[in-house]
Amino acid sequence: MGALNLSSPTHFPYSLQRLSILSNSIYAPSLSFNSLPSPTALFLSASFKHISPAKHRRRGLIVSALQKLSDTDSVTVSSDSDGNFPTNSGVYAIYDSGGDLQFVGITRNLAASVLAHKKSLPELCSTVKVAVVEDPDKTALTEAWKAWLQEHIAATGKVPPGNEPGNSTWVKRAPRKKSDLRLTPGRHVQLTVPLEDLIDRLVKENKVVAFIKGSRSAPLCGFSQRVVAILENQGVDYETVDVLDEEYNFGLRETLKNYSNWPTFPQIFVNGELVGGCDILTSMYEKEFILDPGGERGKASCIKSSQIMD
């Protein structure tokens, strides 16, 4: 057996990202992991266990913790595959449309990881093989990952592209945050239309707009911070406007109060309609409801967050 060297974990929870093949023999490689999931978030306990087929059956999919990669059935990944995969910890292998293995990873939630990869890399994520690791600890999960990876290397003589050193294709990157919207070109610029008309145009041309104190990246009150956190957590595509920006949004606070007939901030609009402030949004969030910009007839509505599909 080759030696296994583990280095510091990174923040990416879904999978192992980089490896180095250090041995001359592909049948007994020495592997060095340069990026492991956080052990406190990912690894729970210590052993492989036999998996009852009925326990992890999802629309005909049965997974096993001990199957070899070559003995595990492939499952097609599509946008409506949510119920096809277990939410357990385990190992997974992703194949492209040509049947070539692209990446082997481990995760605390197989369904979430597979569907996240399908969303971000649809051209590389056509089919997948998954195996549950019951009650996993660090050793159990890494040994499962190592077994599948070594089996593929032994059979093909190649490391999957996504597991090659320096390949960041499968790294989950934080999306770049949008800039806050500005209503005017500057405080000393003469407006050609009333500020209330600019507000009306803004909330009707953007699906979700949050008027907050401070910026999206640095809210200046607890209520605004809470609103931004909820919208970010739910993956809502939204715009923000800083009501405290006296240079580019001069006079906005008083004008918006009259426009919305709502005396406090933040204020959240969906499809041109006022939904409310922090308290209302928090109540919706705690009841597992979320803003639905695609509501019937273009009106603001809310539905169970579990029913939201991208």
Protein backbone atom coordinates (compact mmCIF):
# COMPACT_ATOMS: atom_id res chain seq x y z
CA MET A 1 0.00 0.00 0.00
CA GLY A 2 1.18 3.54 -0.70
CA ALA A 3 1.45 6.24 1.94
CA LEU A 4 -1.39 8.70 2.50
CA ASN A 5 -0.43 12.23 3.58
CA LEU A 6 -3.14 14.67 4.67
CA SER A 7 -2.61 18.43 4.79
CA SER A 8 -4.73 21.27 6.09
CA PRO A 9 -8.43 21.34 5.16
CA THR A 10 -9.90 24.13 3.06
CA HIS A 11 -13.33 25.70 3.14
CA PHE A 12 -14.79 23.81 0.20
CA PRO A 13 -17.18 21.22 1.69
CA TYR A 14 -18.11 19.16 -1.30
CA SER A 15 -15.06 17.26 -2.42
CA LEU A 16 -11.36 16.64 -2.62
CA GLN A 17 -9.86 18.95 -5.15
CA ARG A 18 -6.21 18.28 -5.79
CA LEU A 19 -3.87 15.32 -5.56
CA SER A 20 -0.29 14.49 -6.42
CA ILE A 21 0.79 11.11 -7.70
CA LEU A 22 4.20 10.70 -6.06
CA SER A 23 4.97 7.03 -6.69
CA ASN A 24 6.26 5.50 -9.90
CA SER A 25 3.70 2.69 -9.67
CA ILE A 26 0.10 3.49 -10.55
CA TYR A 27 -1.02 0.37 -8.70
CA ALA A 28 0.35 1.53 -5.36
CA PRO A 29 0.47 5.34 -5.61
CA SER A 30 1.45 7.67 -2.84
CA LEU A 31 -1.26 10.31 -2.63
CA SER A 32 -1.03 13.77 -1.14
CA PHE A 33 -4.29 15.64 -0.55
CA ASN A 34 -3.84 19.37 -0.74
CA SER A 35 -7.50 20.23 -0.15
CA LEU A 36 -9.81 18.31 2.14
CA PRO A 37 -13.30 19.18 3.37
CA SER A 38 -13.59 20.56 6.86
CA PRO A 39 -13.54 17.55 9.22
CA THR A 40 -15.89 19.13 11.73
CA ALA A 41 -18.51 19.72 9.06
CA LEU A 42 -17.97 16.62 6.98
CA PHE A 43 -16.81 13.63 8.97
CA LEU A 44 -19.22 12.32 11.55
CA SER A 45 -18.15 8.91 12.95
CA ALA A 46 -16.02 5.94 12.28
CA SER A 47 -17.05 3.00 10.15
CA PHE A 48 -18.43 1.48 6.99
CA LYS A 49 -21.69 -0.34 7.57
CA HIS A 50 -23.84 -2.57 5.44
CA ILE A 51 -26.52 -0.50 3.71
CA SER A 52 -30.01 -1.87 3.36
CA PRO A 53 -31.09 -1.44 -0.29
CA ALA A 54 -34.54 -0.22 0.75
CA LYS A 55 -33.09 2.44 3.04
CA HIS A 56 -31.36 4.32 0.23
CA ARG A 57 -33.69 3.58 -2.67
CA ARG A 58 -34.53 6.74 -4.62
CA ARG A 59 -36.66 6.15 -7.73
CA GLY A 60 -34.92 2.89 -8.45
CA LEU A 61 -31.40 3.94 -7.39
CA ILE A 62 -29.69 1.64 -4.88
CA VAL A 63 -26.31 2.51 -3.46
CA SER A 64 -23.83 0.49 -1.44
CA ALA A 65 -20.96 1.62 0.75
CA LEU A 66 -18.64 -1.18 -0.26
CA GLN A 67 -19.13 -1.50 -4.00
CA LYS A 68 -16.19 -1.02 -6.32
CA LEU A 69 -16.37 1.85 -8.78
CA SER A 70 -16.68 -0.54 -11.71
CA ASP A 71 -19.54 -2.43 -10.03
CA THR A 72 -21.59 0.69 -9.22
CA ASP A 73 -24.40 1.63 -11.58
CA SER A 74 -24.34 4.99 -13.34
CA VAL A 75 -27.30 7.31 -12.93
CA THR A 76 -28.18 10.11 -15.35
CA VAL A 77 -28.12 13.58 -13.77
CA SER A 78 -30.80 16.04 -14.85
CA SER A 79 -32.38 19.19 -13.46
CA ASP A 80 -35.19 17.15 -11.89
CA SER A 81 -32.91 14.50 -10.32
CA ASP A 82 -33.32 15.81 -6.77
CA GLY A 83 -35.05 12.67 -5.48
CA ASN A 84 -32.67 10.30 -7.22
CA PHE A 85 -29.79 10.70 -4.80
CA PRO A 86 -29.46 10.10 -1.05
CA THR A 87 -28.55 12.97 1.23
CA ASN A 88 -26.04 10.84 3.16
CA SER A 89 -22.27 11.27 3.28
CA GLY A 90 -20.36 9.32 0.69
CA VAL A 91 -18.15 9.15 -2.39
CA TYR A 92 -19.21 10.06 -5.93
CA ALA A 93 -17.75 9.88 -9.43
CA ILE A 94 -18.87 12.22 -12.21
CA TYR A 95 -18.78 11.30 -15.91
CA ASP A 96 -19.26 13.44 -19.01
CA SER A 97 -21.56 12.64 -21.93
CA GLY A 98 -18.80 10.57 -23.55
CA GLY A 99 -18.53 8.31 -20.50
CA ASP A 100 -15.16 9.66 -19.38
CA LEU A 101 -14.59 10.02 -15.63
CA GLN A 102 -14.07 13.69 -14.83
CA PHE A 103 -13.91 13.85 -11.05
CA VAL A 104 -14.07 11.75 -7.86
CA GLY A 105 -15.11 13.49 -4.65
CA ILE A 106 -16.46 12.98 -1.17
CA THR A 107 -19.23 14.94 0.51
CA ARG A 108 -21.48 15.20 3.52
CA ASN A 109 -24.53 15.36 1.22
CA LEU A 110 -24.42 13.38 -2.01
CA ALA A 111 -27.59 14.91 -3.47
CA ALA A 112 -26.50 18.50 -2.80
CA SER A 113 -23.02 17.99 -4.24
CA VAL A 114 -24.13 16.20 -7.39
CA LEU A 115 -26.84 18.74 -8.19
CA ALA A 116 -24.48 21.65 -7.46
CA HIS A 117 -21.99 20.24 -9.95
CA LYS A 118 -24.76 19.70 -12.51
CA LYS A 119 -25.79 23.33 -12.15
CA SER A 120 -22.28 24.79 -12.40
CA LEU A 121 -20.78 22.34 -14.93
CA PRO A 122 -23.65 20.85 -16.95
CA GLU A 123 -21.40 20.02 -19.91
CA LEU A 124 -19.16 17.83 -17.72
CA CYS A 125 -21.79 16.31 -15.44
CA SER A 126 -23.86 13.80 -17.42
CA THR A 127 -23.93 10.67 -15.26
CA VAL A 128 -22.75 9.89 -11.75
CA LYS A 129 -21.95 6.93 -9.52
CA VAL A 130 -22.52 7.31 -5.80
CA ALA A 131 -21.84 5.17 -2.73
CA VAL A 132 -22.98 5.94 0.79
CA VAL A 133 -20.48 5.80 3.64
CA GLU A 134 -22.53 5.13 6.75
CA ASP A 135 -21.45 6.88 9.98
CA PRO A 136 -18.24 8.18 8.37
CA ASP A 137 -15.16 9.60 9.99
CA LYS A 138 -12.19 11.12 8.18
CA THR A 139 -10.55 7.76 7.62
CA ALA A 140 -13.67 6.05 6.29
CA LEU A 141 -14.45 8.78 3.76
CA THR A 142 -10.90 9.25 2.54
CA GLU A 143 -10.41 5.49 2.20
CA ALA A 144 -13.61 5.26 0.12
CA TRP A 145 -12.38 8.11 -2.08
CA LYS A 146 -8.92 6.60 -2.31
CA ALA A 147 -10.30 3.16 -3.27
CA TRP A 148 -12.35 4.53 -6.18
CA LEU A 149 -9.58 6.79 -7.39
CA GLN A 150 -6.92 4.06 -7.23
CA GLU A 151 -9.22 1.63 -9.02
CA HIS A 152 -9.63 4.12 -11.88
CA ILE A 153 -5.89 4.83 -12.02
CA ALA A 154 -5.09 1.11 -12.04
CA ALA A 155 -7.54 0.52 -14.89
CA THR A 156 -6.66 3.52 -17.07
CA GLY A 157 -3.27 4.77 -15.93
CA LYS A 158 -4.73 8.28 -15.65
CA VAL A 159 -5.92 10.59 -12.92
CA PRO A 160 -9.41 12.06 -13.55
CA PRO A 161 -8.95 15.61 -14.93
CA GLY A 162 -10.74 17.21 -12.01
CA ASN A 163 -8.38 15.54 -9.52
CA GLU A 164 -5.16 16.56 -11.25
CA PRO A 165 -2.83 18.96 -9.41
CA GLY A 166 -3.75 22.58 -10.10
CA ASN A 167 -7.12 21.79 -11.67
CA SER A 168 -9.70 24.14 -10.12
CA THR A 169 -12.62 23.26 -12.39
CA TRP A 170 -14.59 21.66 -9.58
CA VAL A 171 -13.75 24.23 -6.92
CA LYS A 172 -16.80 25.99 -5.59
CA ARG A 173 -16.21 29.72 -5.94
CA ALA A 174 -18.15 32.33 -4.07
CA PRO A 175 -20.15 34.38 -6.57
CA ARG A 176 -19.04 37.95 -7.04
CA LYS A 177 -21.40 40.25 -5.22
CA LYS A 178 -23.29 42.84 -7.20
CA SER A 179 -22.73 46.52 -6.71
CA ASP A 180 -25.44 48.58 -5.04
CA LEU A 181 -27.70 50.50 -7.41
CA ARG A 182 -27.64 54.30 -7.50
CA LEU A 183 -30.69 56.35 -8.31
CA THR A 184 -28.89 59.48 -9.49
CA PRO A 185 -25.55 60.38 -11.12
CA GLY A 186 -24.70 62.60 -8.15
CA ARG A 187 -26.13 64.95 -5.56
CA HIS A 188 -25.36 68.11 -7.51
CA VAL A 189 -26.70 66.86 -10.85
CA GLN A 190 -30.06 68.34 -11.85
CA LEU A 191 -32.67 65.57 -12.20
CA THR A 192 -34.89 65.62 -15.26
CA VAL A 193 -37.55 63.38 -13.65
CA PRO A 194 -38.88 63.34 -10.09
CA LEU A 195 -37.10 61.04 -7.63
CA GLU A 196 -40.36 59.16 -7.01
CA ASP A 197 -40.52 58.26 -10.70
CA LEU A 198 -36.97 56.91 -10.51
CA ILE A 199 -37.96 54.74 -7.55
CA ASP A 200 -41.02 53.49 -9.41
CA ARG A 201 -38.96 52.61 -12.48
CA LEU A 202 -36.30 50.89 -10.36
CA VAL A 203 -38.63 48.56 -8.46
CA LYS A 204 -40.57 47.65 -11.61
CA GLU A 205 -37.53 46.94 -13.78
CA ASN A 206 -35.90 44.64 -11.20
CA LYS A 207 -37.53 41.54 -9.78
CA VAL A 208 -36.32 41.95 -6.19
CA VAL A 209 -35.05 45.22 -4.70
CA ALA A 210 -33.98 45.71 -1.08
CA PHE A 211 -33.66 49.29 0.16
CA ILE A 212 -31.23 48.95 3.07
CA LYS A 213 -29.04 51.01 5.36
CA GLY A 214 -25.50 50.56 4.10
CA SER A 215 -24.24 48.44 1.25
CA ARG A 216 -24.81 44.81 0.32
CA SER A 217 -21.28 43.96 1.45
CA ALA A 218 -21.40 46.10 4.60
CA PRO A 219 -24.93 46.68 6.00
CA LEU A 220 -25.01 49.42 8.64
CA CYS A 221 -27.83 48.13 10.84
CA GLY A 222 -28.87 44.74 12.19
CA PHE A 223 -32.15 44.70 10.29
CA SER A 224 -30.46 45.37 6.96
CA GLN A 225 -27.83 42.75 7.73
CA ARG A 226 -30.58 40.22 8.46
CA VAL A 227 -32.36 40.95 5.17
CA VAL A 228 -29.17 40.55 3.15
CA ALA A 229 -28.34 37.30 4.97
CA ILE A 230 -31.77 35.80 4.23
CA LEU A 231 -31.72 36.76 0.56
CA GLU A 232 -28.18 35.41 0.17
CA ASN A 233 -29.01 32.19 2.00
CA GLN A 234 -31.99 31.52 -0.24
CA GLY A 235 -30.10 32.28 -3.44
CA VAL A 236 -32.42 35.10 -4.50
CA ASP A 237 -31.26 37.30 -7.38
CA TYR A 238 -31.78 40.75 -5.91
CA GLU A 239 -30.64 44.36 -6.08
CA THR A 240 -29.76 46.65 -3.18
CA VAL A 241 -30.00 50.40 -2.76
CA ASP A 242 -28.29 52.24 0.12
CA VAL A 243 -30.78 54.72 1.60
CA LEU A 244 -27.95 56.35 3.58
CA ASP A 245 -25.97 57.27 0.47
CA GLU A 246 -26.42 61.04 0.42
CA GLU A 247 -24.21 61.49 -2.64
CA TYR A 248 -26.05 59.29 -5.16
CA ASN A 249 -29.39 58.71 -3.37
CA PHE A 250 -29.98 62.14 -1.89
CA GLY A 251 -33.52 62.53 -0.55
CA LEU A 252 -34.31 58.85 -1.01
CA ARG A 253 -35.32 58.06 2.56
CA GLU A 254 -38.20 60.53 2.80
CA THR A 255 -39.30 60.07 -0.81
CA LEU A 256 -39.37 56.26 -0.46
CA LYS A 257 -41.44 56.49 2.75
CA ASN A 258 -44.08 58.46 0.84
CA TYR A 259 -43.88 56.17 -2.20
CA SER A 260 -44.32 52.94 -0.24
CA ASN A 261 -46.34 54.28 2.69
CA TRP A 262 -43.92 52.36 4.89
CA PRO A 263 -42.08 54.35 7.58
CA THR A 264 -39.02 52.18 8.31
CA PHE A 265 -36.09 50.50 6.60
CA PRO A 266 -35.17 48.12 5.14
CA GLN A 267 -37.93 47.77 2.53
CA ILE A 268 -38.17 44.82 0.13
CA PHE A 269 -39.98 45.03 -3.21
CA VAL A 270 -40.82 42.09 -5.48
CA ASN A 271 -41.99 42.75 -9.04
CA GLY A 272 -42.79 46.36 -8.15
CA GLU A 273 -44.78 45.56 -5.03
CA LEU A 274 -43.78 46.19 -1.42
CA VAL A 275 -43.50 42.95 0.54
CA GLY A 276 -42.46 44.57 3.80
CA GLY A 277 -39.47 44.98 6.05
CA CYS A 278 -37.13 42.81 8.06
CA ASP A 279 -39.79 41.40 10.39
CA ILE A 280 -42.00 40.17 7.55
CA LEU A 281 -39.09 38.68 5.60
CA THR A 282 -37.77 36.98 8.74
CA SER A 283 -41.20 35.51 9.46
CA MET A 284 -41.42 34.14 5.92
CA TYR A 285 -37.93 32.68 6.21
CA GLU A 286 -38.61 31.00 9.56
CA LYS A 287 -41.76 29.43 8.12
CA GLU A 288 -39.69 28.15 5.17
CA PHE A 289 -41.31 30.54 2.73
CA ILE A 290 -39.37 32.62 0.26
CA LEU A 291 -39.99 35.48 -2.15
CA ASP A 292 -41.11 34.20 -5.55
CA PRO A 293 -40.34 36.76 -8.26
CA GLY A 294 -42.03 34.47 -10.79
CA GLY A 295 -45.38 34.61 -9.06
CA GLU A 296 -48.68 34.42 -10.89
CA ARG A 297 -49.31 37.35 -13.23
CA GLY A 298 -46.01 38.89 -12.23
CA LYS A 299 -47.18 39.72 -8.71
CA ALA A 300 -45.16 39.21 -5.56
CA SER A 301 -45.93 35.94 -3.85
CA CYS A 302 -44.32 33.44 -1.55
CA ILE A 303 -44.02 29.68 -1.68
CA LYS A 304 -42.28 27.01 0.34
CA SER A 305 -38.52 27.38 -0.06
CA SER A 306 -38.28 23.62 -0.67
CA GLN A 307 -40.38 24.14 -3.82
CA ILE A 308 -38.00 26.70 -5.34
CA MET A 309 -36.25 25.33 -8.44
CA ASP A 310 -33.59 27.23 -10.32
